[in-house]
Amino acid sequence: MMGSAHGWSAYTGAGWISCMDRDIDSLQVLVVNGEPMLQEGITELLGKEPGFVVRACRMTPEKQPHMHGGLMPDVAVLVLETHDPAADILLNLLETWPGVKVVVLTAHDDPRLLWSLFSAGANACLAKGTRRDELAAVIRGLREEGDRITISAPRRTITLFGAEGGCGNIVTARELEIVELVSRGLSNSQISSKLFITQSTVKRHLTNIYAKLDVTSRIGAVNRAIQIGILREDSVNGWPEMDDAPGGSS
């Protein structure tokens, strides 16, 4: 156990936890994933911030964490590793804690990754090398201005982000994968099993797809994808049944 001016920090079987006496102005922060030592370090550093109550957990696309004490985080800091299915983990996180604000820490500045993360619901994407005071400022800012997004990336990435993602409703690689599976007649349950994600995540992806393609059904999504050239008609194998909701074919 480690003492501090603002509370105490301890590493337990549930992860590295920093706790303080909660008051009305405190912020519940959850550090999700990352290499164990990196996750511990981020959690400990944020635990030194006045007013922060910080915990850590691990999450995958198909599994939701078991957190004791009825944790309801205000902000989640999602630490991405190289091969993480980023958008799927993010969607599962938002399914677990609806309304939570999400800051993503990543070493990658691919504009397509940034677009997929913001499309899935991220509020901020920062470099892993971001200083503690900068990260803390972004976390605090999300409570005051939660409808804004924050990007920390090289100018080249921002330029490409605007060209590739910011103009028009771009379907992400994962969303296109789901459209392709829908075009083969797979149900939400079958897609969930094939991609190792929850059915709720599949439904959320479909909701985003419908909005981007301006359609209201699975068959409408497939037709629109063919029309705009992101799906080949000869790749369709078994048309989906008509429905009017993302969860309509389970």
C-alpha atoms as a PDB file:
ATOM      1  CA  MET A   1       0.000   0.000   0.000  1.00  0.00           C
ATOM      2  CA  MET A   2       1.302   3.455  -0.902  1.00  0.00           C
ATOM      3  CA  GLY A   3       0.267   6.649   0.855  1.00  0.00           C
ATOM      4  CA  SER A   4      -0.289   9.992  -0.848  1.00  0.00           C
ATOM      5  CA  ALA A   5      -1.641  13.416  -0.070  1.00  0.00           C
ATOM      6  CA  HIS A   6      -4.897  12.508  -1.738  1.00  0.00           C
ATOM      7  CA  GLY A   7      -5.516   8.948  -0.617  1.00  0.00           C
ATOM      8  CA  TRP A   8      -3.849   5.591  -1.048  1.00  0.00           C
ATOM      9  CA  SER A   9      -2.858   3.207  -3.812  1.00  0.00           C
ATOM     10  CA  ALA A  10      -2.573  -0.567  -3.680  1.00  0.00           C
ATOM     11  CA  TYR A  11      -2.090  -3.433  -6.095  1.00  0.00           C
ATOM     12  CA  THR A  12      -4.529  -6.307  -5.565  1.00  0.00           C
ATOM     13  CA  GLY A  13      -5.676  -9.338  -7.527  1.00  0.00           C
ATOM     14  CA  ALA A  14      -8.233  -7.112  -9.221  1.00  0.00           C
ATOM     15  CA  GLY A  15      -5.518  -4.781 -10.487  1.00  0.00           C
ATOM     16  CA  TRP A  16      -3.748  -1.651  -9.351  1.00  0.00           C
ATOM     17  CA  ILE A  17      -6.236   0.541  -7.523  1.00  0.00           C
ATOM     18  CA  SER A  18      -5.966   4.089  -6.283  1.00  0.00           C
ATOM     19  CA  CYS A  19      -8.713   5.118  -3.867  1.00  0.00           C
ATOM     20  CA  MET A  20      -9.667   8.304  -2.076  1.00  0.00           C
ATOM     21  CA  ASP A  21     -12.566   9.585  -0.061  1.00  0.00           C
ATOM     22  CA  ARG A  22     -15.189  10.256  -2.716  1.00  0.00           C
ATOM     23  CA  ASP A  23     -16.759  13.703  -2.789  1.00  0.00           C
ATOM     24  CA  ILE A  24     -19.176  15.383  -5.150  1.00  0.00           C
ATOM     25  CA  ASP A  25     -16.370  16.761  -7.328  1.00  0.00           C
ATOM     26  CA  SER A  26     -14.383  13.534  -7.664  1.00  0.00           C
ATOM     27  CA  LEU A  27     -13.935  11.796 -11.007  1.00  0.00           C
ATOM     28  CA  GLN A  28     -14.195   8.012 -11.337  1.00  0.00           C
ATOM     29  CA  VAL A  29     -11.521   6.960 -13.839  1.00  0.00           C
ATOM     30  CA  LEU A  30     -11.061   3.437 -15.198  1.00  0.00           C
ATOM     31  CA  VAL A  31      -7.812   2.400 -16.919  1.00  0.00           C
ATOM     32  CA  VAL A  32      -8.583  -0.391 -19.395  1.00  0.00           C
ATOM     33  CA  ASN A  33      -5.985  -2.805 -20.812  1.00  0.00           C
ATOM     34  CA  GLY A  34      -2.386  -2.085 -21.776  1.00  0.00           C
ATOM     35  CA  GLU A  35       0.695  -4.082 -20.853  1.00  0.00           C
ATOM     36  CA  PRO A  36       0.498  -4.824 -17.099  1.00  0.00           C
ATOM     37  CA  MET A  37       3.384  -2.551 -16.074  1.00  0.00           C
ATOM     38  CA  LEU A  38       2.124   0.250 -18.319  1.00  0.00           C
ATOM     39  CA  GLN A  39      -1.406  -0.092 -16.965  1.00  0.00           C
ATOM     40  CA  GLU A  40      -0.119  -0.035 -13.384  1.00  0.00           C
ATOM     41  CA  GLY A  41       2.008   3.026 -14.093  1.00  0.00           C
ATOM     42  CA  ILE A  42      -0.825   4.999 -15.706  1.00  0.00           C
ATOM     43  CA  THR A  43      -3.199   4.052 -12.895  1.00  0.00           C
ATOM     44  CA  GLU A  44      -0.712   5.064 -10.208  1.00  0.00           C
ATOM     45  CA  LEU A  45       0.118   8.377 -11.886  1.00  0.00           C
ATOM     46  CA  LEU A  46      -3.524   9.336 -12.417  1.00  0.00           C
ATOM     47  CA  GLY A  47      -4.215   8.326  -8.819  1.00  0.00           C
ATOM     48  CA  LYS A  48      -1.998  11.233  -7.748  1.00  0.00           C
ATOM     49  CA  GLU A  49      -4.303  13.744  -9.429  1.00  0.00           C
ATOM     50  CA  PRO A  50      -6.527  15.649  -6.959  1.00  0.00           C
ATOM     51  CA  GLY A  51     -10.113  14.459  -7.158  1.00  0.00           C
ATOM     52  CA  PHE A  52      -9.404  11.321  -9.219  1.00  0.00           C
ATOM     53  CA  VAL A  53     -10.615   7.898  -8.057  1.00  0.00           C
ATOM     54  CA  VAL A  54      -8.796   5.422 -10.303  1.00  0.00           C
ATOM     55  CA  ARG A  55      -9.193   1.698 -10.928  1.00  0.00           C
ATOM     56  CA  ALA A  56      -7.959  -0.720 -13.566  1.00  0.00           C
ATOM     57  CA  CYS A  57      -9.430  -3.675 -15.431  1.00  0.00           C
ATOM     58  CA  ARG A  58      -8.902  -5.815 -18.506  1.00  0.00           C
ATOM     59  CA  MET A  59     -11.455  -6.159 -21.287  1.00  0.00           C
ATOM     60  CA  THR A  60     -11.769  -8.084 -24.567  1.00  0.00           C
ATOM     61  CA  PRO A  61     -14.320  -7.738 -27.394  1.00  0.00           C
ATOM     62  CA  GLU A  62     -16.288 -10.759 -26.171  1.00  0.00           C
ATOM     63  CA  LYS A  63     -15.931 -10.494 -22.387  1.00  0.00           C
ATOM     64  CA  GLN A  64     -17.067  -7.823 -19.967  1.00  0.00           C
ATOM     65  CA  PRO A  65     -15.053  -7.336 -16.764  1.00  0.00           C
ATOM     66  CA  HIS A  66     -16.349  -8.204 -13.325  1.00  0.00           C
ATOM     67  CA  MET A  67     -15.817  -5.112 -11.198  1.00  0.00           C
ATOM     68  CA  HIS A  68     -16.541  -5.078  -7.496  1.00  0.00           C
ATOM     69  CA  GLY A  69     -18.271  -2.242  -5.717  1.00  0.00           C
ATOM     70  CA  GLY A  70     -20.664  -1.233  -8.501  1.00  0.00           C
ATOM     71  CA  LEU A  71     -18.085   0.897 -10.307  1.00  0.00           C
ATOM     72  CA  MET A  72     -19.632   3.546 -12.569  1.00  0.00           C
ATOM     73  CA  PRO A  73     -16.704   5.326 -14.251  1.00  0.00           C
ATOM     74  CA  ASP A  74     -17.046   8.864 -15.534  1.00  0.00           C
ATOM     75  CA  VAL A  75     -14.095   8.431 -17.897  1.00  0.00           C
ATOM     76  CA  ALA A  76     -12.345   5.318 -19.215  1.00  0.00           C
ATOM     77  CA  VAL A  77      -8.748   5.440 -20.442  1.00  0.00           C
ATOM     78  CA  LEU A  78      -8.407   2.672 -23.043  1.00  0.00           C
ATOM     79  CA  VAL A  79      -4.768   1.702 -23.652  1.00  0.00           C
ATOM     80  CA  LEU A  80      -4.437   0.055 -27.064  1.00  0.00           C
ATOM     81  CA  GLU A  81      -1.797  -2.505 -27.945  1.00  0.00           C
ATOM     82  CA  THR A  82      -0.602  -3.279 -31.471  1.00  0.00           C
ATOM     83  CA  HIS A  83      -2.992  -6.080 -32.376  1.00  0.00           C
ATOM     84  CA  ASP A  84      -6.009  -5.046 -30.304  1.00  0.00           C
ATOM     85  CA  PRO A  85      -9.369  -5.050 -32.162  1.00  0.00           C
ATOM     86  CA  ALA A  86      -9.752  -1.443 -31.086  1.00  0.00           C
ATOM     87  CA  ALA A  87     -13.296  -0.583 -32.165  1.00  0.00           C
ATOM     88  CA  ASP A  88     -14.724  -3.859 -30.834  1.00  0.00           C
ATOM     89  CA  ILE A  89     -13.178  -3.371 -27.390  1.00  0.00           C
ATOM     90  CA  LEU A  90     -14.427   0.214 -27.362  1.00  0.00           C
ATOM     91  CA  LEU A  91     -17.966  -0.827 -28.273  1.00  0.00           C
ATOM     92  CA  ASN A  92     -17.960  -3.481 -25.547  1.00  0.00           C
ATOM     93  CA  LEU A  93     -16.746  -0.879 -23.064  1.00  0.00           C
ATOM     94  CA  LEU A  94     -19.579   1.478 -24.021  1.00  0.00           C
ATOM     95  CA  GLU A  95     -22.053  -1.387 -23.785  1.00  0.00           C
ATOM     96  CA  THR A  96     -20.822  -2.159 -20.266  1.00  0.00           C
ATOM     97  CA  TRP A  97     -20.931   1.456 -19.079  1.00  0.00           C
ATOM     98  CA  PRO A  98     -23.328   3.480 -21.274  1.00  0.00           C
ATOM     99  CA  GLY A  99     -22.507   7.163 -21.218  1.00  0.00           C
ATOM    100  CA  VAL A 100     -18.888   6.773 -20.112  1.00  0.00           C
ATOM    101  CA  LYS A 101     -16.442   9.136 -21.834  1.00  0.00           C
ATOM    102  CA  VAL A 102     -13.495   7.363 -23.454  1.00  0.00           C
ATOM    103  CA  VAL A 103      -9.910   8.530 -23.905  1.00  0.00           C
ATOM    104  CA  VAL A 104      -7.847   6.216 -26.125  1.00  0.00           C
ATOM    105  CA  LEU A 105      -4.075   6.013 -25.688  1.00  0.00           C
ATOM    106  CA  THR A 106      -2.352   4.570 -28.751  1.00  0.00           C
ATOM    107  CA  ALA A 107       1.081   4.449 -30.341  1.00  0.00           C
ATOM    108  CA  HIS A 108      -0.485   4.441 -33.816  1.00  0.00           C
ATOM    109  CA  ASP A 109      -1.519   7.490 -35.828  1.00  0.00           C
ATOM    110  CA  ASP A 110      -3.180   5.775 -38.797  1.00  0.00           C
ATOM    111  CA  PRO A 111      -6.076   8.086 -39.791  1.00  0.00           C
ATOM    112  CA  ARG A 112      -8.265   5.063 -40.534  1.00  0.00           C
ATOM    113  CA  LEU A 113      -7.762   3.837 -36.968  1.00  0.00           C
ATOM    114  CA  LEU A 114      -8.610   7.279 -35.595  1.00  0.00           C
ATOM    115  CA  TRP A 115     -11.740   7.421 -37.724  1.00  0.00           C
ATOM    116  CA  SER A 116     -12.873   3.961 -36.616  1.00  0.00           C
ATOM    117  CA  LEU A 117     -12.352   4.893 -32.950  1.00  0.00           C
ATOM    118  CA  PHE A 118     -14.272   8.163 -33.151  1.00  0.00           C
ATOM    119  CA  SER A 119     -16.952   6.450 -35.220  1.00  0.00           C
ATOM    120  CA  ALA A 120     -17.324   3.830 -32.478  1.00  0.00           C
ATOM    121  CA  GLY A 121     -17.709   6.490 -29.782  1.00  0.00           C
ATOM    122  CA  ALA A 122     -14.278   7.611 -28.545  1.00  0.00           C
ATOM    123  CA  ASN A 123     -14.068  11.156 -27.186  1.00  0.00           C
ATOM    124  CA  ALA A 124     -10.296  11.600 -27.401  1.00  0.00           C
ATOM    125  CA  CYS A 125      -7.292   9.881 -29.000  1.00  0.00           C
ATOM    126  CA  LEU A 126      -3.896  10.684 -27.521  1.00  0.00           C
ATOM    127  CA  ALA A 127      -0.363   9.398 -28.012  1.00  0.00           C
ATOM    128  CA  LYS A 128       0.936   6.957 -25.403  1.00  0.00           C
ATOM    129  CA  GLY A 129       3.701   9.435 -24.633  1.00  0.00           C
ATOM    130  CA  THR A 130       1.227  12.085 -23.469  1.00  0.00           C
ATOM    131  CA  ARG A 131       2.274  13.716 -20.188  1.00  0.00           C
ATOM    132  CA  ARG A 132       0.255  13.078 -17.045  1.00  0.00           C
ATOM    133  CA  ASP A 133      -0.886  16.693 -16.733  1.00  0.00           C
ATOM    134  CA  GLU A 134      -2.070  16.717 -20.364  1.00  0.00           C
ATOM    135  CA  LEU A 135      -3.986  13.458 -19.937  1.00  0.00           C
ATOM    136  CA  ALA A 136      -5.526  14.679 -16.681  1.00  0.00           C
ATOM    137  CA  ALA A 137      -6.592  17.939 -18.359  1.00  0.00           C
ATOM    138  CA  VAL A 138      -8.330  16.028 -21.167  1.00  0.00           C
ATOM    139  CA  ILE A 139     -10.094  13.776 -18.641  1.00  0.00           C
ATOM    140  CA  ARG A 140     -11.332  16.775 -16.651  1.00  0.00           C
ATOM    141  CA  GLY A 141     -12.383  18.545 -19.830  1.00  0.00           C
ATOM    142  CA  LEU A 142     -14.612  15.656 -20.875  1.00  0.00           C
ATOM    143  CA  ARG A 143     -16.848  16.213 -17.871  1.00  0.00           C
ATOM    144  CA  GLU A 144     -17.290  19.869 -18.802  1.00  0.00           C
ATOM    145  CA  GLU A 145     -17.377  19.542 -22.597  1.00  0.00           C
ATOM    146  CA  GLY A 146     -18.258  15.923 -23.269  1.00  0.00           C
ATOM    147  CA  ASP A 147     -19.544  16.519 -26.804  1.00  0.00           C
ATOM    148  CA  ARG A 148     -16.148  17.623 -28.139  1.00  0.00           C
ATOM    149  CA  ILE A 149     -13.404  15.367 -29.479  1.00  0.00           C
ATOM    150  CA  THR A 150      -9.677  15.709 -28.865  1.00  0.00           C
ATOM    151  CA  ILE A 151      -6.921  14.411 -31.148  1.00  0.00           C
ATOM    152  CA  SER A 152      -3.208  14.448 -30.416  1.00  0.00           C
ATOM    153  CA  ALA A 153      -1.415  13.410 -33.604  1.00  0.00           C
ATOM    154  CA  PRO A 154       1.117  14.701 -36.166  1.00  0.00           C
ATOM    155  CA  ARG A 155      -0.123  17.305 -38.654  1.00  0.00           C
ATOM    156  CA  ARG A 156       0.261  14.755 -41.471  1.00  0.00           C
ATOM    157  CA  THR A 157      -2.193  12.424 -39.732  1.00  0.00           C
ATOM    158  CA  ILE A 158      -4.731  15.187 -39.147  1.00  0.00           C
ATOM    159  CA  THR A 159      -4.554  16.131 -42.830  1.00  0.00           C
ATOM    160  CA  LEU A 160      -5.114  12.526 -43.891  1.00  0.00           C
ATOM    161  CA  PHE A 161      -7.846  12.138 -41.279  1.00  0.00           C
ATOM    162  CA  GLY A 162      -9.720  15.018 -42.869  1.00  0.00           C
ATOM    163  CA  ALA A 163      -9.229  13.607 -46.357  1.00  0.00           C
ATOM    164  CA  GLU A 164     -10.059   9.974 -45.598  1.00  0.00           C
ATOM    165  CA  GLY A 165     -12.390  10.125 -42.657  1.00  0.00           C
ATOM    166  CA  GLY A 166     -13.786  13.561 -42.057  1.00  0.00           C
ATOM    167  CA  CYS A 167     -15.521  14.012 -45.415  1.00  0.00           C
ATOM    168  CA  GLY A 168     -18.435  11.688 -45.827  1.00  0.00           C
ATOM    169  CA  ASN A 169     -19.690   8.665 -43.951  1.00  0.00           C
ATOM    170  CA  ILE A 170     -16.807   6.217 -44.232  1.00  0.00           C
ATOM    171  CA  VAL A 171     -17.456   2.583 -43.353  1.00  0.00           C
ATOM    172  CA  THR A 172     -14.595   1.198 -41.272  1.00  0.00           C
ATOM    173  CA  ALA A 173     -12.804  -2.053 -42.091  1.00  0.00           C
ATOM    174  CA  ARG A 174     -14.644  -3.882 -39.297  1.00  0.00           C
ATOM    175  CA  GLU A 175     -18.013  -2.510 -40.411  1.00  0.00           C
ATOM    176  CA  LEU A 176     -17.324  -3.610 -43.991  1.00  0.00           C
ATOM    177  CA  GLU A 177     -16.430  -7.067 -42.675  1.00  0.00           C
ATOM    178  CA  ILE A 178     -19.822  -7.213 -40.960  1.00  0.00           C
ATOM    179  CA  VAL A 179     -21.630  -6.044 -44.108  1.00  0.00           C
ATOM    180  CA  GLU A 180     -19.894  -8.844 -46.026  1.00  0.00           C
ATOM    181  CA  LEU A 181     -21.022 -11.414 -43.449  1.00  0.00           C
ATOM    182  CA  VAL A 182     -24.555 -10.019 -43.540  1.00  0.00           C
ATOM    183  CA  SER A 183     -24.498 -10.376 -47.336  1.00  0.00           C
ATOM    184  CA  ARG A 184     -23.787 -14.080 -46.865  1.00  0.00           C
ATOM    185  CA  GLY A 185     -26.945 -14.412 -44.807  1.00  0.00           C
ATOM    186  CA  LEU A 186     -25.270 -14.754 -41.395  1.00  0.00           C
ATOM    187  CA  SER A 187     -27.329 -13.832 -38.329  1.00  0.00           C
ATOM    188  CA  ASN A 188     -26.105 -11.596 -35.503  1.00  0.00           C
ATOM    189  CA  SER A 189     -25.392 -14.698 -33.435  1.00  0.00           C
ATOM    190  CA  GLN A 190     -23.333 -16.259 -36.223  1.00  0.00           C
ATOM    191  CA  ILE A 191     -21.414 -13.015 -36.822  1.00  0.00           C
ATOM    192  CA  SER A 192     -20.748 -12.757 -33.091  1.00  0.00           C
ATOM    193  CA  SER A 193     -19.290 -16.273 -33.006  1.00  0.00           C
ATOM    194  CA  LYS A 194     -17.226 -15.808 -36.157  1.00  0.00           C
ATOM    195  CA  LEU A 195     -15.654 -12.502 -35.078  1.00  0.00           C
ATOM    196  CA  PHE A 196     -15.407 -13.346 -31.352  1.00  0.00           C
ATOM    197  CA  ILE A 197     -17.421 -10.310 -30.280  1.00  0.00           C
ATOM    198  CA  THR A 198     -20.667  -9.966 -28.343  1.00  0.00           C
ATOM    199  CA  GLN A 199     -24.031  -9.780 -30.099  1.00  0.00           C
ATOM    200  CA  SER A 200     -24.482  -6.329 -28.554  1.00  0.00           C
ATOM    201  CA  THR A 201     -21.304  -5.210 -30.316  1.00  0.00           C
ATOM    202  CA  VAL A 202     -22.606  -6.616 -33.611  1.00  0.00           C
ATOM    203  CA  LYS A 203     -25.856  -4.674 -33.155  1.00  0.00           C
ATOM    204  CA  ARG A 204     -23.967  -1.487 -32.376  1.00  0.00           C
ATOM    205  CA  HIS A 205     -21.812  -1.920 -35.483  1.00  0.00           C
ATOM    206  CA  LEU A 206     -24.987  -2.406 -37.534  1.00  0.00           C
ATOM    207  CA  THR A 207     -26.516   0.735 -36.041  1.00  0.00           C
ATOM    208  CA  ASN A 208     -23.441   2.698 -37.159  1.00  0.00           C
ATOM    209  CA  ILE A 209     -23.528   1.046 -40.594  1.00  0.00           C
ATOM    210  CA  TYR A 210     -27.207   1.901 -41.099  1.00  0.00           C
ATOM    211  CA  ALA A 211     -26.574   5.535 -40.159  1.00  0.00           C
ATOM    212  CA  LYS A 212     -23.549   5.866 -42.443  1.00  0.00           C
ATOM    213  CA  LEU A 213     -25.230   4.211 -45.420  1.00  0.00           C
ATOM    214  CA  ASP A 214     -28.581   5.925 -44.747  1.00  0.00           C
ATOM    215  CA  VAL A 215     -30.533   2.653 -44.705  1.00  0.00           C
ATOM    216  CA  THR A 216     -32.861   0.925 -42.251  1.00  0.00           C
ATOM    217  CA  SER A 217     -32.367  -2.785 -42.937  1.00  0.00           C
ATOM    218  CA  ARG A 218     -29.748  -5.464 -43.508  1.00  0.00           C
ATOM    219  CA  ILE A 219     -30.698  -5.938 -47.142  1.00  0.00           C
ATOM    220  CA  GLY A 220     -30.680  -2.162 -47.569  1.00  0.00           C
ATOM    221  CA  ALA A 221     -27.134  -2.039 -46.200  1.00  0.00           C
ATOM    222  CA  VAL A 222     -25.993  -4.745 -48.622  1.00  0.00           C
ATOM    223  CA  ASN A 223     -27.655  -3.038 -51.600  1.00  0.00           C
ATOM    224  CA  ARG A 224     -26.179   0.328 -50.664  1.00  0.00           C
ATOM    225  CA  ALA A 225     -22.699  -1.165 -50.174  1.00  0.00           C
ATOM    226  CA  ILE A 226     -22.880  -2.669 -53.669  1.00  0.00           C
ATOM    227  CA  GLN A 227     -24.188   0.607 -55.100  1.00  0.00           C
ATOM    228  CA  ILE A 228     -21.304   2.701 -53.764  1.00  0.00           C
ATOM    229  CA  GLY A 229     -18.723   0.097 -54.732  1.00  0.00           C
ATOM    230  CA  ILE A 230     -17.461  -1.144 -51.362  1.00  0.00           C
ATOM    231  CA  LEU A 231     -19.016  -4.604 -51.799  1.00  0.00           C
ATOM    232  CA  ARG A 232     -18.905  -6.729 -54.947  1.00  0.00           C
ATOM    233  CA  GLU A 233     -22.260  -8.126 -56.006  1.00  0.00           C
ATOM    234  CA  ASP A 234     -20.700 -11.428 -57.066  1.00  0.00           C
ATOM    235  CA  SER A 235     -19.426 -11.888 -53.500  1.00  0.00           C
ATOM    236  CA  VAL A 236     -22.963 -12.004 -52.115  1.00  0.00           C
ATOM    237  CA  ASN A 237     -23.889 -15.533 -51.111  1.00  0.00           C
ATOM    238  CA  GLY A 238     -27.367 -15.787 -49.650  1.00  0.00           C
ATOM    239  CA  TRP A 239     -29.261 -12.521 -49.252  1.00  0.00           C
ATOM    240  CA  PRO A 240     -30.222 -11.490 -45.718  1.00  0.00           C
ATOM    241  CA  GLU A 241     -33.835 -11.451 -44.671  1.00  0.00           C
ATOM    242  CA  MET A 242     -35.542  -8.056 -44.654  1.00  0.00           C
ATOM    243  CA  ASP A 243     -35.668  -6.389 -41.245  1.00  0.00           C
ATOM    244  CA  ASP A 244     -35.956  -2.897 -39.816  1.00  0.00           C
ATOM    245  CA  ALA A 245     -33.561  -2.949 -36.875  1.00  0.00           C
ATOM    246  CA  PRO A 246     -29.913  -3.860 -36.169  1.00  0.00           C
ATOM    247  CA  GLY A 247     -31.063  -6.650 -33.874  1.00  0.00           C
ATOM    248  CA  GLY A 248     -33.700  -7.913 -36.261  1.00  0.00           C
ATOM    249  CA  SER A 249     -31.825 -11.032 -37.313  1.00  0.00           C
ATOM    250  CA  SER A 250     -30.400 -12.700 -34.236  1.00  0.00           C
END
